[in-house]
Amino acid sequence: MKEKILVTGGAGYIGSHTVVELQNAGYEVIVIDNLSNSNAGVIDGIERITGIRPVFEKLDCNDKEGLTALLEKNKGIKGIIHFAASKAVGESVQKPLLYYRNNLVSLINLLELMPEHGVENIVFSSSCTVYGQPDILPVDENAPIKPALSPYGNTKQINEEIIRDAVYANPAVKSIILRYFNPIGAHPSVEIGELPNGVPQNLIPFLTQTAIGIREQLSVFGSDYDTTDGSCIRDYINVVDLAKAHVIAVERMLRKKSDKDVEIFNLGTGRGLSVLELIHTFEKATGVKVNYKIVGRREGDIEKVWANPDYANNVLGWKSKETVEDTLLSAWKWQLKLREKGIM
């Protein structure tokens, strides 16, 4: 019998790619999503890729009664991958209470309900923002947690603390925390990719929408950072590579490959690219020019951060494989597919 995995935010960008990888690995997947920054058509894309339609229910993780009903209806869930969260740094500075309510209450609800329904494992979608501006680069898992530079980053820090405390209080529950760097790209089938509702808050969808003419101009925030060209530096990781790490994390917990109650892994490439370098790499990979303008710094942004992924490479047995050129090309093909389908 296939093992059941619940994926919250599974119609979202990273969530949908992870559902594909879970189904390809033989898991039965149940998806919940409130569709606040995604759309239900993603489930069709997942089915076209895998030949399997996951169970889908429109549900907000802040709705504890709804979560309870879902867990009662789908008995025998072995693990949860928790993606459902608001995730834009800039927006979090403008709407902090939205971020605290959405990102904290959703996790607390899950952790309260897990023991009641016999669910023992949770993979948590965290972020490199917990490190703030690291003192040493590349950053590994032993780097100190700095004061957050945005409410979004703070919710990830607080959520990690909540997980540690909850697991300590209930040893039956185990967790793997995955700290992402910057996921980009689309599935090679071009059936799913990044499609935020409204104006994109993330760089790549705004970049591709500018390149195709939907947005007039891409803003590059800051030209006076202590970097090679003055723009921020990030570690950009292919979304399918990232999705595969979640399957490995689930396997690790279900097969009890570790005796630790909570494990933390950085997921990145180990390579830092500036925003301007990324734009120029996109232009070279696609042959398409991007209309961009350098503007002032954006509140909440970290100057430079990239991963030391050695721990994930050696302990999880996971490694990012796709090149940034191929990843950017996949994002562009996804944008072209959206235009072809009349979506965007």
Foldseek 3Di string as FASTA:
>chain_A
DAAEEEEECLQAFLNVLLVLLCVVVRHQYEYEYLCQWGDPCSQVLSCVNRVDRHHYDHDALLPLVVVLVVCVVVARHAEYEYDFADAFQQVCQVVVVRRLSRLPSSLVSCLVCCVVRVHAEYEYEAAPQQLFAFPDPADFPPTDRDPGQGSNSVSRVVSVVVLVVSCVVPVSHAYEYEHEWAEFFFPLVLSDHHDTPDQDSDQLVNQLCQLVPNDVAAEQAFQCFPDPRTGAKTFYAYSSLVSNLVVLVSCCVVVVVDPDRYHYFYDGQSDIDGPVRLQVLLCVLPVTHGHYDYDHHRRRDGRYYGHDRVCCCPPSVGHGDDDSSVRSVRSNVSSVVCVVVVND
